[in-house]
Amino acid sequence: MERLLIATSPWQSWFLSMRQLYRWENPRKTAKWAVIWFVIWYMDYVMTFVFCWTGFIVLENRFRKKRVEQLRESHRRAKSNNMTAFRFNELIHRHGSTDWLDPLIEEAGPMVQMQLSDLADFLEILNNFYDWRYPAKTWATLFWFVCAIIMGVALPTGYNMKILWMFCLLSFFLGRPIASRHPQYRHVVNALKWIFWDIPTDAEWSMMYLRQKAQETRA
């Protein structure tokens, strides 16, 4: 486990940089990247840009010397108890190879718990959609699928992909910052939640069932 966490250190930095980007922590930088991405989207060069950027960062890592200041900052975070560790290996260096798990759970636990809870809710929604627990909402979701199929058949593939990339960009630059800064609205800006809107989780369906039985008993 420790080896895995250290080996994924570059990806941890990348995910943290993406998080800072979509949270608009540096508005000027995020606005710049939003303009770049929407221009690329308009010109239909999304995948081309992804491949070019991947090649660029690999070559940059080969020929550019590591910034000394970045290494010093990482070392300071690993040694200081008053600074937040940005990577798992900084936590390991700070607390040792045997005592890093509890600090990791303390720092990442609440966020991970919320994400796992949302994942469990979504899986229950998928099951209840498939089992027709709420037939009216299942029909509504199937209608959405029919509309998507018609668009896929009637429109060119390139146009459909452009629509898909547009939703991805809007979700990243508009939806994710709202969901991150205001978690109580995270379902409202979740496109997948729109598709399966109002299909209940197991807990919600149980409450609906009990409420219905109570009404029948009173009647």
N, C-alpha and C. Protein backbone atom coordinates (compact mmCIF):
# COMPACT_ATOMS: atom_id res chain seq x y z
N MET A 1 0.83 -1.20 0.00
CA MET A 1 0.00 0.00 0.00
C MET A 1 0.86 1.25 0.00
N GLU A 2 1.90 1.25 0.85
CA GLU A 2 2.78 2.41 0.92
C GLU A 2 3.47 2.64 -0.42
N ARG A 3 3.92 1.56 -1.07
CA ARG A 3 4.57 1.69 -2.37
C ARG A 3 3.61 2.25 -3.41
N LEU A 4 2.35 1.79 -3.35
CA LEU A 4 1.36 2.27 -4.30
C LEU A 4 1.11 3.76 -4.14
N LEU A 5 1.01 4.22 -2.90
CA LEU A 5 0.76 5.63 -2.66
C LEU A 5 1.92 6.50 -3.14
N ILE A 6 3.15 6.03 -2.92
CA ILE A 6 4.31 6.80 -3.37
C ILE A 6 4.41 6.77 -4.90
N ALA A 7 4.10 5.62 -5.51
CA ALA A 7 4.20 5.51 -6.97
C ALA A 7 3.18 6.40 -7.68
N THR A 8 2.05 6.67 -7.03
CA THR A 8 1.02 7.51 -7.65
C THR A 8 1.20 8.98 -7.29
N SER A 9 2.34 9.34 -6.75
CA SER A 9 2.58 10.72 -6.33
C SER A 9 2.36 11.74 -7.45
N PRO A 10 2.86 11.50 -8.68
CA PRO A 10 2.61 12.49 -9.75
C PRO A 10 1.12 12.66 -10.04
N TRP A 11 0.35 11.57 -9.98
CA TRP A 11 -1.08 11.67 -10.23
C TRP A 11 -1.78 12.43 -9.12
N GLN A 12 -1.29 12.28 -7.90
CA GLN A 12 -1.87 13.04 -6.79
C GLN A 12 -1.69 14.53 -7.02
N SER A 13 -0.50 14.92 -7.47
CA SER A 13 -0.25 16.33 -7.77
C SER A 13 -1.15 16.81 -8.89
N TRP A 14 -1.35 15.94 -9.90
CA TRP A 14 -2.19 16.32 -11.03
C TRP A 14 -3.63 16.52 -10.59
N PHE A 15 -4.16 15.59 -9.79
CA PHE A 15 -5.54 15.71 -9.32
C PHE A 15 -5.71 16.94 -8.43
N LEU A 16 -4.72 17.24 -7.62
CA LEU A 16 -4.80 18.43 -6.78
C LEU A 16 -4.78 19.70 -7.62
N SER A 17 -3.97 19.71 -8.68
CA SER A 17 -3.94 20.88 -9.56
C SER A 17 -5.27 21.04 -10.28
N MET A 18 -5.90 19.91 -10.69
CA MET A 18 -7.22 19.98 -11.32
C MET A 18 -8.26 20.50 -10.32
N ARG A 19 -8.14 20.08 -9.08
CA ARG A 19 -9.08 20.54 -8.06
C ARG A 19 -8.94 22.04 -7.84
N GLN A 20 -7.72 22.54 -7.78
CA GLN A 20 -7.51 23.97 -7.64
C GLN A 20 -8.05 24.73 -8.84
N LEU A 21 -7.97 24.08 -10.02
CA LEU A 21 -8.43 24.73 -11.24
C LEU A 21 -9.95 24.85 -11.25
N TYR A 22 -10.67 23.73 -11.00
CA TYR A 22 -12.13 23.81 -11.11
C TYR A 22 -12.76 24.53 -9.92
N ARG A 23 -12.03 24.67 -8.82
CA ARG A 23 -12.55 25.44 -7.68
C ARG A 23 -12.33 26.94 -7.86
N TRP A 24 -11.70 27.34 -8.94
CA TRP A 24 -11.42 28.75 -9.24
C TRP A 24 -10.63 29.40 -8.11
N GLU A 25 -9.66 28.64 -7.54
CA GLU A 25 -8.83 29.22 -6.48
C GLU A 25 -7.92 30.31 -7.03
N ASN A 26 -7.57 30.20 -8.30
CA ASN A 26 -6.87 31.28 -9.01
C ASN A 26 -7.75 31.66 -10.19
N PRO A 27 -8.69 32.61 -10.02
CA PRO A 27 -9.68 32.91 -11.06
C PRO A 27 -9.07 33.24 -12.41
N ARG A 28 -7.96 33.96 -12.42
CA ARG A 28 -7.35 34.33 -13.69
C ARG A 28 -6.86 33.10 -14.44
N LYS A 29 -6.22 32.18 -13.72
CA LYS A 29 -5.71 30.97 -14.35
C LYS A 29 -6.85 30.09 -14.86
N THR A 30 -7.90 29.93 -14.04
CA THR A 30 -9.03 29.10 -14.46
C THR A 30 -9.74 29.72 -15.66
N ALA A 31 -9.93 31.04 -15.64
CA ALA A 31 -10.57 31.71 -16.78
C ALA A 31 -9.75 31.53 -18.05
N LYS A 32 -8.42 31.60 -17.92
CA LYS A 32 -7.55 31.40 -19.09
C LYS A 32 -7.74 30.00 -19.67
N TRP A 33 -7.73 28.98 -18.80
CA TRP A 33 -7.89 27.62 -19.28
C TRP A 33 -9.29 27.37 -19.82
N ALA A 34 -10.29 28.02 -19.24
CA ALA A 34 -11.65 27.87 -19.76
C ALA A 34 -11.75 28.41 -21.18
N VAL A 35 -11.15 29.58 -21.42
CA VAL A 35 -11.15 30.15 -22.77
C VAL A 35 -10.41 29.24 -23.73
N ILE A 36 -9.24 28.74 -23.32
CA ILE A 36 -8.47 27.84 -24.18
C ILE A 36 -9.27 26.60 -24.55
N TRP A 37 -9.89 25.99 -23.54
CA TRP A 37 -10.62 24.75 -23.80
C TRP A 37 -11.84 24.98 -24.68
N PHE A 38 -12.57 26.07 -24.49
CA PHE A 38 -13.75 26.31 -25.32
C PHE A 38 -13.37 26.68 -26.75
N VAL A 39 -12.23 27.34 -26.93
CA VAL A 39 -11.73 27.59 -28.29
C VAL A 39 -11.36 26.27 -28.96
N ILE A 40 -10.67 25.40 -28.22
CA ILE A 40 -10.30 24.08 -28.75
C ILE A 40 -11.56 23.28 -29.07
N TRP A 41 -12.55 23.35 -28.18
CA TRP A 41 -13.82 22.65 -28.43
C TRP A 41 -14.49 23.17 -29.69
N TYR A 42 -14.50 24.48 -29.86
CA TYR A 42 -15.14 25.08 -31.04
C TYR A 42 -14.45 24.65 -32.32
N MET A 43 -13.13 24.47 -32.26
CA MET A 43 -12.36 24.08 -33.45
C MET A 43 -12.29 22.56 -33.64
N ASP A 44 -12.92 21.80 -32.75
CA ASP A 44 -12.95 20.33 -32.85
C ASP A 44 -11.56 19.70 -32.74
N TYR A 45 -10.74 20.22 -31.83
CA TYR A 45 -9.40 19.67 -31.64
C TYR A 45 -9.20 19.16 -30.21
N VAL A 46 -10.27 18.68 -29.57
CA VAL A 46 -10.17 18.28 -28.17
C VAL A 46 -9.18 17.14 -27.98
N MET A 47 -9.38 16.02 -28.69
CA MET A 47 -8.49 14.87 -28.52
C MET A 47 -7.09 15.18 -29.02
N THR A 48 -6.99 15.95 -30.10
CA THR A 48 -5.67 16.34 -30.60
C THR A 48 -4.91 17.13 -29.55
N PHE A 49 -5.60 18.04 -28.87
CA PHE A 49 -4.96 18.82 -27.83
C PHE A 49 -4.55 17.94 -26.65
N VAL A 50 -5.38 16.96 -26.29
CA VAL A 50 -5.05 16.05 -25.18
C VAL A 50 -3.76 15.30 -25.48
N PHE A 51 -3.62 14.78 -26.71
CA PHE A 51 -2.40 14.05 -27.07
C PHE A 51 -1.19 14.99 -27.11
N CYS A 52 -1.38 16.19 -27.66
CA CYS A 52 -0.28 17.16 -27.71
C CYS A 52 0.16 17.56 -26.31
N TRP A 53 -0.80 17.80 -25.43
CA TRP A 53 -0.46 18.22 -24.07
C TRP A 53 0.24 17.10 -23.31
N THR A 54 -0.21 15.86 -23.52
CA THR A 54 0.45 14.72 -22.88
C THR A 54 1.91 14.62 -23.31
N GLY A 55 2.14 14.73 -24.63
CA GLY A 55 3.52 14.70 -25.12
C GLY A 55 4.34 15.85 -24.59
N PHE A 56 3.73 17.02 -24.48
CA PHE A 56 4.45 18.21 -24.01
C PHE A 56 4.90 18.05 -22.56
N ILE A 57 4.00 17.59 -21.68
CA ILE A 57 4.38 17.50 -20.27
C ILE A 57 5.42 16.39 -20.04
N VAL A 58 5.39 15.33 -20.87
CA VAL A 58 6.40 14.28 -20.74
C VAL A 58 7.77 14.82 -21.16
N LEU A 59 7.80 15.54 -22.29
CA LEU A 59 9.06 16.12 -22.75
C LEU A 59 9.56 17.19 -21.79
N GLU A 60 8.63 17.97 -21.25
CA GLU A 60 9.03 19.01 -20.30
C GLU A 60 9.66 18.39 -19.06
N ASN A 61 9.09 17.27 -18.60
CA ASN A 61 9.64 16.60 -17.43
C ASN A 61 11.04 16.03 -17.70
N ARG A 62 11.30 15.72 -18.98
CA ARG A 62 12.62 15.16 -19.34
C ARG A 62 13.68 16.23 -19.42
N PHE A 63 13.35 17.37 -19.99
CA PHE A 63 14.38 18.36 -20.29
C PHE A 63 14.42 19.54 -19.32
N ARG A 64 13.37 19.72 -18.53
CA ARG A 64 13.39 20.82 -17.57
C ARG A 64 13.84 20.31 -16.22
N LYS A 65 14.77 21.00 -15.61
CA LYS A 65 15.24 20.62 -14.29
C LYS A 65 14.14 20.88 -13.26
N LYS A 66 14.09 19.99 -12.28
CA LYS A 66 13.11 20.17 -11.21
C LYS A 66 13.34 21.50 -10.50
N ARG A 67 12.25 22.19 -10.28
CA ARG A 67 12.38 23.46 -9.59
C ARG A 67 12.77 23.22 -8.13
N VAL A 68 13.85 23.85 -7.73
CA VAL A 68 14.35 23.67 -6.37
C VAL A 68 13.31 24.14 -5.36
N GLU A 69 12.63 25.22 -5.68
CA GLU A 69 11.65 25.76 -4.74
C GLU A 69 10.50 24.79 -4.51
N GLN A 70 10.08 24.07 -5.56
CA GLN A 70 9.01 23.09 -5.39
C GLN A 70 9.44 21.96 -4.47
N LEU A 71 10.68 21.50 -4.63
CA LEU A 71 11.19 20.44 -3.76
C LEU A 71 11.30 20.92 -2.32
N ARG A 72 11.75 22.16 -2.14
CA ARG A 72 11.85 22.70 -0.79
C ARG A 72 10.47 22.83 -0.15
N GLU A 73 9.49 23.27 -0.94
CA GLU A 73 8.14 23.42 -0.41
C GLU A 73 7.56 22.08 0.00
N SER A 74 7.79 21.06 -0.82
CA SER A 74 7.32 19.71 -0.48
C SER A 74 7.98 19.21 0.80
N HIS A 75 9.28 19.50 0.94
CA HIS A 75 10.00 19.08 2.15
C HIS A 75 9.46 19.80 3.38
N ARG A 76 9.16 21.09 3.24
CA ARG A 76 8.62 21.85 4.38
C ARG A 76 7.25 21.31 4.79
N ARG A 77 6.40 20.97 3.80
CA ARG A 77 5.09 20.42 4.12
C ARG A 77 5.21 19.08 4.84
N ALA A 78 6.18 18.27 4.40
CA ALA A 78 6.36 16.95 5.01
C ALA A 78 6.83 17.06 6.45
N LYS A 79 7.63 18.11 6.76
CA LYS A 79 8.21 18.24 8.10
C LYS A 79 7.35 19.05 9.06
N SER A 80 6.49 19.92 8.51
CA SER A 80 5.73 20.82 9.37
C SER A 80 4.37 20.22 9.73
N ASN A 81 4.00 20.31 11.00
CA ASN A 81 2.69 19.85 11.44
C ASN A 81 1.61 20.90 11.23
N ASN A 82 2.01 22.11 10.88
CA ASN A 82 1.06 23.20 10.68
C ASN A 82 0.68 23.39 9.22
N MET A 83 1.27 22.62 8.32
CA MET A 83 0.99 22.74 6.90
C MET A 83 0.29 21.47 6.42
N THR A 84 -0.60 21.62 5.43
CA THR A 84 -1.32 20.48 4.88
C THR A 84 -0.46 19.76 3.87
N ALA A 85 -0.35 18.45 4.04
CA ALA A 85 0.41 17.64 3.07
C ALA A 85 -0.40 17.50 1.79
N PHE A 86 0.25 17.79 0.63
CA PHE A 86 -0.43 17.72 -0.64
C PHE A 86 -0.34 16.33 -1.27
N ARG A 87 0.59 15.51 -0.80
CA ARG A 87 0.77 14.17 -1.35
C ARG A 87 0.79 13.16 -0.21
N PHE A 88 0.45 11.90 -0.56
CA PHE A 88 0.48 10.86 0.46
C PHE A 88 1.91 10.60 0.93
N ASN A 89 2.89 10.71 0.02
CA ASN A 89 4.26 10.44 0.45
C ASN A 89 4.75 11.49 1.43
N GLU A 90 4.19 12.72 1.37
CA GLU A 90 4.54 13.73 2.37
C GLU A 90 3.99 13.33 3.74
N LEU A 91 2.80 12.74 3.76
CA LEU A 91 2.26 12.23 5.03
C LEU A 91 3.12 11.10 5.58
N ILE A 92 3.58 10.21 4.69
CA ILE A 92 4.41 9.10 5.12
C ILE A 92 5.73 9.60 5.68
N HIS A 93 6.33 10.60 5.01
CA HIS A 93 7.59 11.15 5.49
C HIS A 93 7.40 11.88 6.82
N ARG A 94 6.23 12.47 7.01
CA ARG A 94 5.99 13.23 8.24
C ARG A 94 5.74 12.32 9.43
N HIS A 95 4.93 11.27 9.22
CA HIS A 95 4.49 10.44 10.35
C HIS A 95 5.17 9.08 10.42
N GLY A 96 5.97 8.75 9.41
CA GLY A 96 6.63 7.45 9.43
C GLY A 96 5.82 6.40 8.68
N SER A 97 6.47 5.29 8.37
CA SER A 97 5.84 4.26 7.55
C SER A 97 4.79 3.45 8.29
N THR A 98 4.66 3.63 9.60
CA THR A 98 3.69 2.85 10.36
C THR A 98 2.57 3.70 10.95
N ASP A 99 2.71 5.02 10.96
CA ASP A 99 1.72 5.87 11.63
C ASP A 99 1.05 6.86 10.68
N TRP A 100 1.09 6.61 9.38
CA TRP A 100 0.55 7.59 8.43
C TRP A 100 -0.93 7.38 8.14
N LEU A 101 -1.48 6.19 8.46
CA LEU A 101 -2.85 5.88 8.06
C LEU A 101 -3.87 6.74 8.80
N ASP A 102 -3.71 6.90 10.11
CA ASP A 102 -4.67 7.70 10.88
C ASP A 102 -4.71 9.16 10.43
N PRO A 103 -3.56 9.83 10.22
CA PRO A 103 -3.62 11.20 9.69
C PRO A 103 -4.27 11.27 8.31
N LEU A 104 -4.04 10.24 7.48
CA LEU A 104 -4.66 10.21 6.16
C LEU A 104 -6.18 10.14 6.28
N ILE A 105 -6.66 9.27 7.17
CA ILE A 105 -8.11 9.15 7.36
C ILE A 105 -8.69 10.44 7.92
N GLU A 106 -7.93 11.09 8.81
CA GLU A 106 -8.41 12.34 9.41
C GLU A 106 -8.54 13.44 8.37
N GLU A 107 -7.59 13.52 7.44
CA GLU A 107 -7.61 14.59 6.45
C GLU A 107 -8.56 14.30 5.30
N ALA A 108 -8.54 13.06 4.79
CA ALA A 108 -9.33 12.74 3.60
C ALA A 108 -10.64 12.05 3.92
N GLY A 109 -10.82 11.61 5.18
CA GLY A 109 -11.99 10.82 5.53
C GLY A 109 -13.33 11.45 5.21
N PRO A 110 -13.59 12.70 5.66
CA PRO A 110 -14.91 13.29 5.40
C PRO A 110 -15.25 13.39 3.92
N MET A 111 -14.29 13.80 3.10
CA MET A 111 -14.55 13.93 1.67
C MET A 111 -14.78 12.56 1.03
N VAL A 112 -13.95 11.59 1.40
CA VAL A 112 -14.10 10.24 0.84
C VAL A 112 -15.43 9.63 1.27
N GLN A 113 -15.82 9.85 2.52
CA GLN A 113 -17.08 9.32 3.01
C GLN A 113 -18.26 9.88 2.23
N MET A 114 -18.22 11.17 1.93
CA MET A 114 -19.30 11.77 1.16
C MET A 114 -19.34 11.21 -0.26
N GLN A 115 -18.16 11.03 -0.88
CA GLN A 115 -18.11 10.48 -2.23
C GLN A 115 -18.61 9.04 -2.26
N LEU A 116 -18.23 8.25 -1.27
CA LEU A 116 -18.70 6.86 -1.21
C LEU A 116 -20.20 6.80 -0.96
N SER A 117 -20.71 7.71 -0.15
CA SER A 117 -22.15 7.77 0.09
C SER A 117 -22.91 8.10 -1.19
N ASP A 118 -22.39 9.07 -1.95
CA ASP A 118 -23.02 9.42 -3.23
C ASP A 118 -22.96 8.25 -4.20
N LEU A 119 -21.84 7.52 -4.21
CA LEU A 119 -21.71 6.36 -5.09
C LEU A 119 -22.72 5.29 -4.71
N ALA A 120 -22.88 5.02 -3.42
CA ALA A 120 -23.86 4.03 -2.97
C ALA A 120 -25.28 4.46 -3.35
N ASP A 121 -25.58 5.75 -3.19
CA ASP A 121 -26.89 6.26 -3.58
C ASP A 121 -27.14 6.04 -5.07
N PHE A 122 -26.12 6.34 -5.88
CA PHE A 122 -26.29 6.22 -7.33
C PHE A 122 -26.49 4.76 -7.74
N LEU A 123 -25.76 3.84 -7.12
CA LEU A 123 -25.92 2.42 -7.44
C LEU A 123 -27.31 1.93 -7.04
N GLU A 124 -27.82 2.41 -5.91
CA GLU A 124 -29.18 2.06 -5.52
C GLU A 124 -30.20 2.64 -6.49
N ILE A 125 -29.95 3.85 -6.97
CA ILE A 125 -30.85 4.46 -7.95
C ILE A 125 -30.87 3.64 -9.24
N LEU A 126 -29.69 3.18 -9.68
CA LEU A 126 -29.64 2.35 -10.88
C LEU A 126 -30.43 1.06 -10.69
N ASN A 127 -30.28 0.43 -9.53
CA ASN A 127 -31.02 -0.80 -9.26
C ASN A 127 -32.52 -0.56 -9.25
N ASN A 128 -32.95 0.54 -8.64
CA ASN A 128 -34.38 0.84 -8.56
C ASN A 128 -34.93 1.27 -9.91
N PHE A 129 -34.10 1.88 -10.73
CA PHE A 129 -34.50 2.19 -12.11
C PHE A 129 -34.73 0.90 -12.89
N TYR A 130 -33.82 -0.04 -12.75
CA TYR A 130 -33.92 -1.31 -13.47
C TYR A 130 -35.07 -2.17 -12.96
N ASP A 131 -35.35 -2.09 -11.65
CA ASP A 131 -36.42 -2.90 -11.05
C ASP A 131 -37.78 -2.23 -11.10
N TRP A 132 -37.89 -1.05 -11.71
CA TRP A 132 -39.16 -0.35 -11.86
C TRP A 132 -39.81 -0.09 -10.49
N ARG A 133 -39.02 0.32 -9.51
CA ARG A 133 -39.59 0.62 -8.19
C ARG A 133 -40.52 1.83 -8.26
N TYR A 134 -40.21 2.75 -9.17
CA TYR A 134 -41.03 3.95 -9.35
C TYR A 134 -41.30 4.05 -10.85
N PRO A 135 -42.33 3.35 -11.36
CA PRO A 135 -42.53 3.21 -12.81
C PRO A 135 -42.57 4.53 -13.58
N ALA A 136 -43.23 5.54 -13.01
CA ALA A 136 -43.35 6.81 -13.73
C ALA A 136 -41.98 7.42 -14.00
N LYS A 137 -41.09 7.36 -13.03
CA LYS A 137 -39.75 7.92 -13.20
C LYS A 137 -38.89 7.06 -14.12
N THR A 138 -39.11 5.74 -14.09
CA THR A 138 -38.38 4.88 -15.02
C THR A 138 -38.79 5.19 -16.45
N TRP A 139 -40.09 5.39 -16.68
CA TRP A 139 -40.55 5.77 -18.02
C TRP A 139 -39.93 7.10 -18.45
N ALA A 140 -39.86 8.06 -17.52
CA ALA A 140 -39.27 9.36 -17.85
C ALA A 140 -37.81 9.23 -18.24
N THR A 141 -37.06 8.38 -17.53
CA THR A 141 -35.66 8.16 -17.87
C THR A 141 -35.51 7.44 -19.20
N LEU A 142 -36.39 6.47 -19.47
CA LEU A 142 -36.35 5.78 -20.76
C LEU A 142 -36.66 6.74 -21.90
N PHE A 143 -37.54 7.71 -21.66
CA PHE A 143 -37.81 8.72 -22.68
C PHE A 143 -36.55 9.52 -23.00
N TRP A 144 -35.76 9.81 -21.96
CA TRP A 144 -34.50 10.52 -22.20
C TRP A 144 -33.57 9.67 -23.05
N PHE A 145 -33.51 8.37 -22.76
CA PHE A 145 -32.66 7.47 -23.56
C PHE A 145 -33.12 7.42 -25.01
N VAL A 146 -34.44 7.41 -25.23
CA VAL A 146 -34.97 7.40 -26.60
C VAL A 146 -34.56 8.67 -27.34
N CYS A 147 -34.64 9.81 -26.67
CA CYS A 147 -34.21 11.08 -27.30
C CYS A 147 -32.73 11.03 -27.65
N ALA A 148 -31.91 10.46 -26.75
CA ALA A 148 -30.48 10.35 -27.01
C ALA A 148 -30.21 9.42 -28.19
N ILE A 149 -30.97 8.33 -28.29
CA ILE A 149 -30.81 7.40 -29.41
C ILE A 149 -31.17 8.08 -30.72
N ILE A 150 -32.27 8.82 -30.72
CA ILE A 150 -32.68 9.53 -31.94
C ILE A 150 -31.61 10.53 -32.38
N MET A 151 -31.06 11.27 -31.42
CA MET A 151 -29.98 12.21 -31.75
C MET A 151 -28.76 11.47 -32.29
N GLY A 152 -28.44 10.32 -31.69
CA GLY A 152 -27.28 9.56 -32.15
C GLY A 152 -27.45 9.04 -33.56
N VAL A 153 -28.69 8.68 -33.93
CA VAL A 153 -28.95 8.15 -35.28
C VAL A 153 -29.06 9.28 -36.30
N ALA A 154 -29.73 10.38 -35.90
CA ALA A 154 -30.04 11.44 -36.86
C ALA A 154 -28.88 12.41 -37.09
N LEU A 155 -28.01 12.59 -36.10
CA LEU A 155 -26.94 13.57 -36.22
C LEU A 155 -25.60 12.89 -36.48
N PRO A 156 -24.67 13.58 -37.12
CA PRO A 156 -23.33 13.01 -37.35
C PRO A 156 -22.61 12.72 -36.03
N THR A 157 -21.75 11.73 -36.07
CA THR A 157 -21.01 11.34 -34.86
C THR A 157 -20.18 12.49 -34.32
N GLY A 158 -19.55 13.25 -35.21
CA GLY A 158 -18.74 14.38 -34.77
C GLY A 158 -19.55 15.41 -34.01
N TYR A 159 -20.79 15.65 -34.46
CA TYR A 159 -21.64 16.63 -33.78
C TYR A 159 -22.05 16.12 -32.41
N ASN A 160 -22.37 14.81 -32.32
CA ASN A 160 -22.72 14.23 -31.02
C ASN A 160 -21.55 14.30 -30.04
N MET A 161 -20.34 14.05 -30.54
CA MET A 161 -19.17 14.14 -29.67
C MET A 161 -18.95 15.58 -29.21
N LYS A 162 -19.26 16.52 -30.08
CA LYS A 162 -19.09 17.93 -29.70
C LYS A 162 -20.06 18.29 -28.58
N ILE A 163 -21.28 17.77 -28.65
CA ILE A 163 -22.24 18.00 -27.57
C ILE A 163 -21.74 17.38 -26.26
N LEU A 164 -21.20 16.16 -26.36
CA LEU A 164 -20.69 15.48 -25.17
C LEU A 164 -19.54 16.26 -24.54
N TRP A 165 -18.60 16.74 -25.37
CA TRP A 165 -17.47 17.50 -24.83
C TRP A 165 -17.94 18.82 -24.22
N MET A 166 -18.99 19.42 -24.81
CA MET A 166 -19.51 20.67 -24.25
C MET A 166 -20.03 20.44 -22.83
N PHE A 167 -20.77 19.34 -22.63
CA PHE A 167 -21.28 19.04 -21.30
C PHE A 167 -20.14 18.77 -20.32
N CYS A 168 -19.08 18.11 -20.80
CA CYS A 168 -17.93 17.85 -19.93
C CYS A 168 -17.27 19.15 -19.49
N LEU A 169 -17.10 20.08 -20.42
CA LEU A 169 -16.47 21.36 -20.09
C LEU A 169 -17.34 22.18 -19.15
N LEU A 170 -18.65 22.22 -19.43
CA LEU A 170 -19.55 22.97 -18.55
C LEU A 170 -19.57 22.36 -17.16
N SER A 171 -19.54 21.04 -17.09
CA SER A 171 -19.52 20.38 -15.79
C SER A 171 -18.25 20.70 -15.02
N PHE A 172 -17.10 20.73 -15.71
CA PHE A 172 -15.83 20.97 -15.04
C PHE A 172 -15.72 22.42 -14.56
N PHE A 173 -16.03 23.37 -15.43
CA PHE A 173 -15.79 24.78 -15.10
C PHE A 173 -16.95 25.44 -14.37
N LEU A 174 -18.16 24.84 -14.43
CA LEU A 174 -19.31 25.44 -13.75
C LEU A 174 -19.91 24.51 -12.69
N GLY A 175 -20.09 23.24 -13.05
CA GLY A 175 -20.72 22.32 -12.11
C GLY A 175 -19.84 21.93 -10.94
N ARG A 176 -18.59 21.56 -11.24
CA ARG A 176 -17.69 21.10 -10.18
C ARG A 176 -17.40 22.17 -9.13
N PRO A 177 -17.17 23.44 -9.49
CA PRO A 177 -16.93 24.43 -8.44
C PRO A 177 -18.11 24.59 -7.49
N ILE A 178 -19.33 24.51 -8.03
CA ILE A 178 -20.51 24.61 -7.17
C ILE A 178 -20.60 23.40 -6.25
N ALA A 179 -20.39 22.21 -6.82
CA ALA A 179 -20.47 20.98 -6.02
C ALA A 179 -19.38 20.94 -4.95
N SER A 180 -18.20 21.48 -5.25
CA SER A 180 -17.09 21.44 -4.31
C SER A 180 -17.25 22.47 -3.20
N ARG A 181 -17.66 23.67 -3.55
CA ARG A 181 -17.77 24.73 -2.56
C ARG A 181 -19.10 24.70 -1.81
N HIS A 182 -20.13 24.16 -2.43
CA HIS A 182 -21.45 24.08 -1.81
C HIS A 182 -21.99 22.65 -1.97
N PRO A 183 -21.50 21.72 -1.15
CA PRO A 183 -21.86 20.30 -1.32
C PRO A 183 -23.37 20.04 -1.26
N GLN A 184 -24.12 20.92 -0.59
CA GLN A 184 -25.56 20.70 -0.49
C GLN A 184 -26.25 20.81 -1.85
N TYR A 185 -25.58 21.44 -2.84
CA TYR A 185 -26.15 21.58 -4.18
C TYR A 185 -25.48 20.65 -5.20
N ARG A 186 -24.69 19.68 -4.72
CA ARG A 186 -23.91 18.87 -5.65
C ARG A 186 -24.79 18.01 -6.55
N HIS A 187 -25.97 17.60 -6.08
CA HIS A 187 -26.85 16.78 -6.92
C HIS A 187 -27.53 17.62 -8.00
N VAL A 188 -27.75 18.89 -7.71
CA VAL A 188 -28.43 19.76 -8.67
C VAL A 188 -27.57 19.99 -9.91
N VAL A 189 -26.25 20.02 -9.74
CA VAL A 189 -25.35 20.29 -10.87
C VAL A 189 -24.74 19.01 -11.42
N ASN A 190 -25.26 17.86 -11.03
CA ASN A 190 -24.77 16.57 -11.52
C ASN A 190 -25.63 16.11 -12.69
N ALA A 191 -25.03 16.05 -13.89
CA ALA A 191 -25.79 15.69 -15.09
C ALA A 191 -26.37 14.28 -15.00
N LEU A 192 -25.63 13.34 -14.41
CA LEU A 192 -26.16 11.98 -14.25
C LEU A 192 -27.39 11.97 -13.36
N LYS A 193 -27.39 12.84 -12.36
CA LYS A 193 -28.55 12.93 -11.47
C LYS A 193 -29.77 13.44 -12.22
N TRP A 194 -29.56 14.32 -13.21
CA TRP A 194 -30.68 14.81 -14.00
C TRP A 194 -31.34 13.67 -14.77
N ILE A 195 -30.51 12.77 -15.33
CA ILE A 195 -31.05 11.68 -16.14
C ILE A 195 -31.94 10.77 -15.29
N PHE A 196 -31.50 10.49 -14.07
CA PHE A 196 -32.26 9.60 -13.19
C PHE A 196 -32.97 10.39 -12.10
N TRP A 197 -33.45 11.56 -12.45
CA TRP A 197 -34.00 12.47 -11.46
C TRP A 197 -35.23 11.87 -10.77
N ASP A 198 -35.23 11.97 -9.46
CA ASP A 198 -36.35 11.58 -8.60
C ASP A 198 -36.56 10.07 -8.51
N ILE A 199 -35.68 9.26 -9.11
CA ILE A 199 -35.72 7.82 -8.84
C ILE A 199 -35.14 7.61 -7.45
N PRO A 200 -35.87 6.95 -6.56
CA PRO A 200 -35.46 6.92 -5.14
C PRO A 200 -34.31 5.96 -4.86
N THR A 201 -33.59 6.25 -3.81
CA THR A 201 -32.65 5.29 -3.24
C THR A 201 -33.44 4.26 -2.44
N ASP A 202 -32.76 3.26 -1.89
CA ASP A 202 -33.46 2.24 -1.11
C ASP A 202 -34.13 2.86 0.12
N ALA A 203 -33.42 3.77 0.79
CA ALA A 203 -33.99 4.41 1.98
C ALA A 203 -35.22 5.24 1.61
N GLU A 204 -35.12 6.00 0.52
CA GLU A 204 -36.25 6.83 0.10
C GLU A 204 -37.44 5.97 -0.31
N TRP A 205 -37.15 4.87 -1.03
CA TRP A 205 -38.24 3.99 -1.45
C TRP A 205 -38.91 3.34 -0.24
N SER A 206 -38.13 2.96 0.76
CA SER A 206 -38.69 2.36 1.97
C SER A 206 -39.62 3.34 2.68
N MET A 207 -39.20 4.61 2.76
CA MET A 207 -40.05 5.61 3.39
C MET A 207 -41.32 5.83 2.59
N MET A 208 -41.21 5.84 1.26
CA MET A 208 -42.39 5.98 0.41
C MET A 208 -43.35 4.81 0.62
N TYR A 209 -42.79 3.60 0.72
CA TYR A 209 -43.61 2.40 0.91
C TYR A 209 -44.34 2.45 2.26
N LEU A 210 -43.62 2.81 3.32
CA LEU A 210 -44.23 2.88 4.64
C LEU A 210 -45.30 3.98 4.69
N ARG A 211 -45.03 5.10 4.03
CA ARG A 211 -46.01 6.19 4.00
C ARG A 211 -47.28 5.75 3.28
N GLN A 212 -47.10 5.03 2.18
CA GLN A 212 -48.25 4.54 1.42
C GLN A 212 -49.07 3.55 2.25
N LYS A 213 -48.39 2.63 2.95
CA LYS A 213 -49.10 1.67 3.78
C LYS A 213 -49.84 2.36 4.93
N ALA A 214 -49.23 3.39 5.49
CA ALA A 214 -49.88 4.12 6.57
C ALA A 214 -51.14 4.82 6.07
N GLN A 215 -51.07 5.39 4.88
CA GLN A 215 -52.25 6.04 4.31
C GLN A 215 -53.35 5.04 4.02
N GLU A 216 -52.96 3.85 3.52
CA GLU A 216 -53.96 2.81 3.26
C GLU A 216 -54.60 2.34 4.55
N THR A 217 -53.82 2.25 5.62
CA THR A 217 -54.36 1.81 6.91
C THR A 217 -55.35 2.83 7.46
N ARG A 218 -55.01 4.11 7.35
CA ARG A 218 -55.91 5.16 7.83
C ARG A 218 -57.19 5.21 7.02
N ALA A 219 -57.06 4.90 5.71
CA ALA A 219 -58.25 4.92 4.86
C ALA A 219 -59.17 3.74 5.19
